[in-house]
Amino acid sequence: MENFASRSVSMFFFRHIQPYGIRLKGTLHGIGRHSPEEQLELTARDLKSVEDILGDKKFILSTETPTSIDCTVFGHLAQFLYIPMDFPQKQYMLESCPKLVKYVDVM
């Protein structure tokens, strides 16, 4: 059976046009103007700041149950920890932010 998807217009879009669009969006947003090392440093500072805000609390706003802020933060952090890819942020979280890793596991 012939693979029709490899010849389709959508596959052309995802292989050639979308990567250019993602790079352009990153450059226009500003994060794409930094080197990968600078991007890692910026995200490491952000992760450390979130851990400092969390402190010894179970949830960010010191509530008994998670709030929408906790759900939002969890959504962003879970991408680093649970997607089976080697993100440098994942390694940083595992080594330097044990409270954040525990927080994500609790959520």
N, C-alpha and C. Protein backbone atom coordinates (compact mmCIF):
# COMPACT_ATOMS: atom_id res chain seq x y z
N MET A 1 0.84 -1.18 0.00
CA MET A 1 0.00 0.00 0.00
C MET A 1 0.89 1.24 0.00
N GLU A 2 0.59 2.17 -0.84
CA GLU A 2 1.37 3.39 -0.97
C GLU A 2 1.05 4.37 0.15
N ASN A 3 2.07 5.03 0.66
CA ASN A 3 1.89 6.00 1.74
C ASN A 3 1.50 7.34 1.13
N PHE A 4 0.20 7.64 1.17
CA PHE A 4 -0.30 8.87 0.57
C PHE A 4 0.14 10.10 1.37
N ALA A 5 0.27 9.97 2.69
CA ALA A 5 0.59 11.12 3.54
C ALA A 5 1.94 11.73 3.19
N SER A 6 2.89 10.93 2.75
CA SER A 6 4.21 11.48 2.45
C SER A 6 4.18 12.39 1.23
N ARG A 7 3.18 12.26 0.38
CA ARG A 7 3.09 13.11 -0.81
C ARG A 7 2.11 14.25 -0.64
N SER A 8 1.43 14.32 0.47
CA SER A 8 0.36 15.30 0.61
C SER A 8 0.90 16.70 0.89
N VAL A 9 0.06 17.66 0.70
CA VAL A 9 0.40 19.06 0.92
C VAL A 9 0.68 19.30 2.40
N SER A 10 -0.07 18.65 3.28
CA SER A 10 0.14 18.87 4.71
C SER A 10 1.52 18.41 5.14
N MET A 11 2.03 17.33 4.59
CA MET A 11 3.36 16.87 4.95
C MET A 11 4.42 17.86 4.45
N PHE A 12 4.20 18.45 3.29
CA PHE A 12 5.12 19.48 2.81
C PHE A 12 5.14 20.65 3.78
N PHE A 13 3.95 21.05 4.24
CA PHE A 13 3.85 22.15 5.19
C PHE A 13 4.62 21.85 6.47
N PHE A 14 4.41 20.66 7.04
CA PHE A 14 5.03 20.32 8.32
C PHE A 14 6.54 20.09 8.19
N ARG A 15 7.01 19.70 7.04
CA ARG A 15 8.44 19.47 6.87
C ARG A 15 9.21 20.73 6.52
N HIS A 16 8.60 21.65 5.77
CA HIS A 16 9.36 22.77 5.23
C HIS A 16 8.90 24.14 5.73
N ILE A 17 7.62 24.35 5.85
CA ILE A 17 7.13 25.68 6.18
C ILE A 17 7.01 25.88 7.69
N GLN A 18 6.49 24.90 8.42
CA GLN A 18 6.29 25.08 9.86
C GLN A 18 7.60 25.32 10.62
N PRO A 19 8.70 24.59 10.36
CA PRO A 19 9.94 24.89 11.09
C PRO A 19 10.41 26.33 10.90
N TYR A 20 10.26 26.85 9.70
CA TYR A 20 10.62 28.25 9.45
C TYR A 20 9.73 29.17 10.28
N GLY A 21 8.44 28.89 10.33
CA GLY A 21 7.51 29.71 11.10
C GLY A 21 7.83 29.69 12.59
N ILE A 22 8.21 28.54 13.12
CA ILE A 22 8.56 28.43 14.54
C ILE A 22 9.81 29.25 14.84
N ARG A 23 10.82 29.14 13.97
CA ARG A 23 12.05 29.93 14.17
C ARG A 23 11.75 31.43 14.08
N LEU A 24 10.90 31.82 13.15
CA LEU A 24 10.54 33.23 12.99
C LEU A 24 9.79 33.73 14.23
N LYS A 25 8.85 32.95 14.74
CA LYS A 25 8.12 33.34 15.94
C LYS A 25 9.07 33.50 17.13
N GLY A 26 10.01 32.59 17.27
CA GLY A 26 10.98 32.68 18.36
C GLY A 26 11.84 33.92 18.26
N THR A 27 12.24 34.27 17.05
CA THR A 27 13.05 35.46 16.85
C THR A 27 12.24 36.72 17.13
N LEU A 28 11.02 36.78 16.63
CA LEU A 28 10.18 37.94 16.85
C LEU A 28 9.81 38.09 18.32
N HIS A 29 9.60 36.98 19.00
CA HIS A 29 9.28 37.02 20.43
C HIS A 29 10.47 37.47 21.24
N GLY A 30 11.67 37.11 20.83
CA GLY A 30 12.87 37.53 21.52
C GLY A 30 13.72 36.37 22.00
N ILE A 31 13.11 35.26 22.37
CA ILE A 31 13.87 34.13 22.91
C ILE A 31 14.78 33.53 21.84
N GLY A 32 14.38 33.62 20.59
CA GLY A 32 15.18 33.07 19.50
C GLY A 32 16.44 33.86 19.21
N ARG A 33 16.58 35.03 19.81
CA ARG A 33 17.77 35.85 19.60
C ARG A 33 18.90 35.46 20.54
N HIS A 34 18.61 34.57 21.49
CA HIS A 34 19.62 34.12 22.45
C HIS A 34 20.22 32.80 22.00
N SER A 35 21.45 32.57 22.41
CA SER A 35 22.09 31.29 22.12
C SER A 35 21.43 30.21 22.99
N PRO A 36 21.59 28.94 22.65
CA PRO A 36 21.02 27.88 23.49
C PRO A 36 21.52 27.93 24.93
N GLU A 37 22.76 28.32 25.13
CA GLU A 37 23.30 28.43 26.49
C GLU A 37 22.61 29.55 27.27
N GLU A 38 22.36 30.67 26.58
CA GLU A 38 21.65 31.78 27.22
C GLU A 38 20.20 31.40 27.53
N GLN A 39 19.58 30.67 26.62
CA GLN A 39 18.21 30.21 26.86
C GLN A 39 18.15 29.30 28.07
N LEU A 40 19.12 28.42 28.21
CA LEU A 40 19.16 27.53 29.37
C LEU A 40 19.35 28.32 30.66
N GLU A 41 20.21 29.32 30.62
CA GLU A 41 20.43 30.15 31.80
C GLU A 41 19.15 30.89 32.19
N LEU A 42 18.45 31.43 31.21
CA LEU A 42 17.19 32.13 31.49
C LEU A 42 16.14 31.20 32.09
N THR A 43 16.00 30.01 31.52
CA THR A 43 15.01 29.09 32.06
C THR A 43 15.43 28.56 33.42
N ALA A 44 16.72 28.39 33.64
CA ALA A 44 17.19 27.93 34.96
C ALA A 44 16.87 28.98 36.02
N ARG A 45 17.05 30.24 35.70
CA ARG A 45 16.70 31.30 36.66
C ARG A 45 15.20 31.32 36.92
N ASP A 46 14.41 31.11 35.87
CA ASP A 46 12.95 31.06 36.05
C ASP A 46 12.54 29.89 36.94
N LEU A 47 13.11 28.72 36.68
CA LEU A 47 12.78 27.55 37.50
C LEU A 47 13.18 27.75 38.95
N LYS A 48 14.33 28.34 39.18
CA LYS A 48 14.78 28.60 40.55
C LYS A 48 13.86 29.60 41.23
N SER A 49 13.38 30.59 40.48
CA SER A 49 12.44 31.56 41.04
C SER A 49 11.14 30.91 41.45
N VAL A 50 10.62 30.02 40.63
CA VAL A 50 9.38 29.32 40.97
C VAL A 50 9.60 28.47 42.22
N GLU A 51 10.75 27.81 42.30
CA GLU A 51 11.04 27.02 43.49
C GLU A 51 11.14 27.90 44.73
N ASP A 52 11.74 29.07 44.60
CA ASP A 52 11.83 29.99 45.73
C ASP A 52 10.44 30.47 46.17
N ILE A 53 9.57 30.74 45.22
CA ILE A 53 8.20 31.15 45.54
C ILE A 53 7.47 30.02 46.25
N LEU A 54 7.66 28.81 45.78
CA LEU A 54 7.00 27.65 46.38
C LEU A 54 7.49 27.42 47.81
N GLY A 55 8.77 27.55 48.03
CA GLY A 55 9.33 27.37 49.37
C GLY A 55 8.98 26.01 49.95
N ASP A 56 8.52 25.99 51.18
CA ASP A 56 8.13 24.75 51.85
C ASP A 56 6.63 24.50 51.78
N LYS A 57 5.92 25.31 51.02
CA LYS A 57 4.47 25.16 50.91
C LYS A 57 4.13 23.98 50.00
N LYS A 58 2.95 23.43 50.21
CA LYS A 58 2.49 22.33 49.37
C LYS A 58 2.04 22.86 48.01
N PHE A 59 1.35 24.00 48.03
CA PHE A 59 0.88 24.65 46.80
C PHE A 59 1.33 26.11 46.80
N ILE A 60 1.33 26.75 45.65
CA ILE A 60 1.93 28.06 45.50
C ILE A 60 1.26 29.12 46.38
N LEU A 61 -0.06 29.10 46.49
CA LEU A 61 -0.75 30.12 47.27
C LEU A 61 -1.01 29.69 48.71
N SER A 62 -0.31 28.69 49.18
CA SER A 62 -0.46 28.19 50.56
C SER A 62 -1.88 27.72 50.87
N THR A 63 -2.55 27.17 49.88
CA THR A 63 -3.90 26.66 50.09
C THR A 63 -3.86 25.17 50.36
N GLU A 64 -5.01 24.63 50.78
CA GLU A 64 -5.10 23.20 51.05
C GLU A 64 -5.28 22.39 49.77
N THR A 65 -5.85 23.02 48.76
CA THR A 65 -6.07 22.35 47.47
C THR A 65 -5.41 23.17 46.36
N PRO A 66 -5.11 22.56 45.24
CA PRO A 66 -4.49 23.30 44.14
C PRO A 66 -5.42 24.37 43.58
N THR A 67 -4.84 25.46 43.15
CA THR A 67 -5.59 26.53 42.49
C THR A 67 -5.28 26.50 41.00
N SER A 68 -5.88 27.41 40.26
CA SER A 68 -5.62 27.46 38.81
C SER A 68 -4.15 27.82 38.53
N ILE A 69 -3.54 28.57 39.43
CA ILE A 69 -2.11 28.89 39.26
C ILE A 69 -1.28 27.61 39.36
N ASP A 70 -1.62 26.75 40.32
CA ASP A 70 -0.90 25.48 40.45
C ASP A 70 -1.06 24.63 39.19
N CYS A 71 -2.26 24.62 38.65
CA CYS A 71 -2.49 23.84 37.43
C CYS A 71 -1.70 24.38 36.25
N THR A 72 -1.61 25.69 36.16
CA THR A 72 -0.85 26.31 35.07
C THR A 72 0.64 25.99 35.20
N VAL A 73 1.17 26.17 36.41
CA VAL A 73 2.59 25.89 36.64
C VAL A 73 2.88 24.42 36.39
N PHE A 74 1.99 23.55 36.87
CA PHE A 74 2.16 22.11 36.64
C PHE A 74 2.22 21.80 35.15
N GLY A 75 1.35 22.40 34.38
CA GLY A 75 1.33 22.15 32.93
C GLY A 75 2.65 22.48 32.27
N HIS A 76 3.26 23.56 32.69
CA HIS A 76 4.55 23.95 32.10
C HIS A 76 5.68 23.05 32.59
N LEU A 77 5.70 22.76 33.87
CA LEU A 77 6.79 21.95 34.43
C LEU A 77 6.70 20.50 34.00
N ALA A 78 5.50 19.99 33.85
CA ALA A 78 5.32 18.59 33.46
C ALA A 78 5.90 18.32 32.07
N GLN A 79 5.90 19.33 31.22
CA GLN A 79 6.48 19.15 29.89
C GLN A 79 7.97 18.82 29.98
N PHE A 80 8.66 19.45 30.90
CA PHE A 80 10.09 19.16 31.06
C PHE A 80 10.32 17.78 31.66
N LEU A 81 9.51 17.41 32.64
CA LEU A 81 9.78 16.17 33.39
C LEU A 81 9.21 14.92 32.73
N TYR A 82 8.06 15.00 32.10
CA TYR A 82 7.37 13.78 31.69
C TYR A 82 7.47 13.46 30.20
N ILE A 83 7.83 14.41 29.37
CA ILE A 83 8.00 14.09 27.95
C ILE A 83 9.32 13.35 27.80
N PRO A 84 9.32 12.19 27.14
CA PRO A 84 10.55 11.38 27.06
C PRO A 84 11.58 11.95 26.08
N MET A 85 12.09 13.11 26.41
CA MET A 85 13.16 13.74 25.64
C MET A 85 14.18 14.27 26.63
N ASP A 86 15.39 14.45 26.17
CA ASP A 86 16.44 14.97 27.04
C ASP A 86 16.47 16.49 26.98
N PHE A 87 15.65 17.12 27.81
CA PHE A 87 15.68 18.56 27.94
C PHE A 87 16.76 18.94 28.95
N PRO A 88 17.55 19.97 28.69
CA PRO A 88 18.51 20.40 29.71
C PRO A 88 17.79 20.91 30.96
N GLN A 89 16.57 21.43 30.79
CA GLN A 89 15.80 21.90 31.93
C GLN A 89 15.41 20.74 32.83
N LYS A 90 15.16 19.59 32.25
CA LYS A 90 14.83 18.41 33.05
C LYS A 90 16.00 18.04 33.95
N GLN A 91 17.18 18.01 33.39
CA GLN A 91 18.37 17.69 34.17
C GLN A 91 18.59 18.73 35.26
N TYR A 92 18.38 20.00 34.92
CA TYR A 92 18.55 21.06 35.91
C TYR A 92 17.54 20.89 37.06
N MET A 93 16.29 20.60 36.72
CA MET A 93 15.28 20.42 37.76
C MET A 93 15.62 19.24 38.66
N LEU A 94 16.06 18.14 38.08
CA LEU A 94 16.38 16.96 38.88
C LEU A 94 17.58 17.21 39.79
N GLU A 95 18.54 18.01 39.34
CA GLU A 95 19.74 18.25 40.13
C GLU A 95 19.61 19.42 41.11
N SER A 96 18.93 20.49 40.69
CA SER A 96 18.95 21.73 41.46
C SER A 96 17.62 22.16 42.06
N CYS A 97 16.53 21.55 41.65
CA CYS A 97 15.21 21.99 42.12
C CYS A 97 14.39 20.80 42.64
N PRO A 98 14.83 20.15 43.70
CA PRO A 98 14.08 18.98 44.18
C PRO A 98 12.67 19.32 44.67
N LYS A 99 12.47 20.54 45.17
CA LYS A 99 11.13 20.93 45.62
C LYS A 99 10.16 21.01 44.45
N LEU A 100 10.65 21.48 43.31
CA LEU A 100 9.78 21.55 42.12
C LEU A 100 9.42 20.17 41.62
N VAL A 101 10.37 19.26 41.64
CA VAL A 101 10.10 17.89 41.20
C VAL A 101 9.06 17.26 42.11
N LYS A 102 9.21 17.47 43.41
CA LYS A 102 8.23 16.94 44.36
C LYS A 102 6.86 17.58 44.14
N TYR A 103 6.83 18.88 43.89
CA TYR A 103 5.59 19.61 43.63
C TYR A 103 4.87 19.03 42.42
N VAL A 104 5.61 18.78 41.33
CA VAL A 104 5.00 18.21 40.13
C VAL A 104 4.47 16.81 40.43
N ASP A 105 5.20 16.03 41.20
CA ASP A 105 4.73 14.69 41.55
C ASP A 105 3.47 14.75 42.40
N VAL A 106 3.37 15.72 43.31
CA VAL A 106 2.17 15.87 44.14
C VAL A 106 0.97 16.26 43.29
N MET A 107 1.21 17.14 42.34
CA MET A 107 0.10 17.57 41.47
C MET A 107 -0.39 16.40 40.64
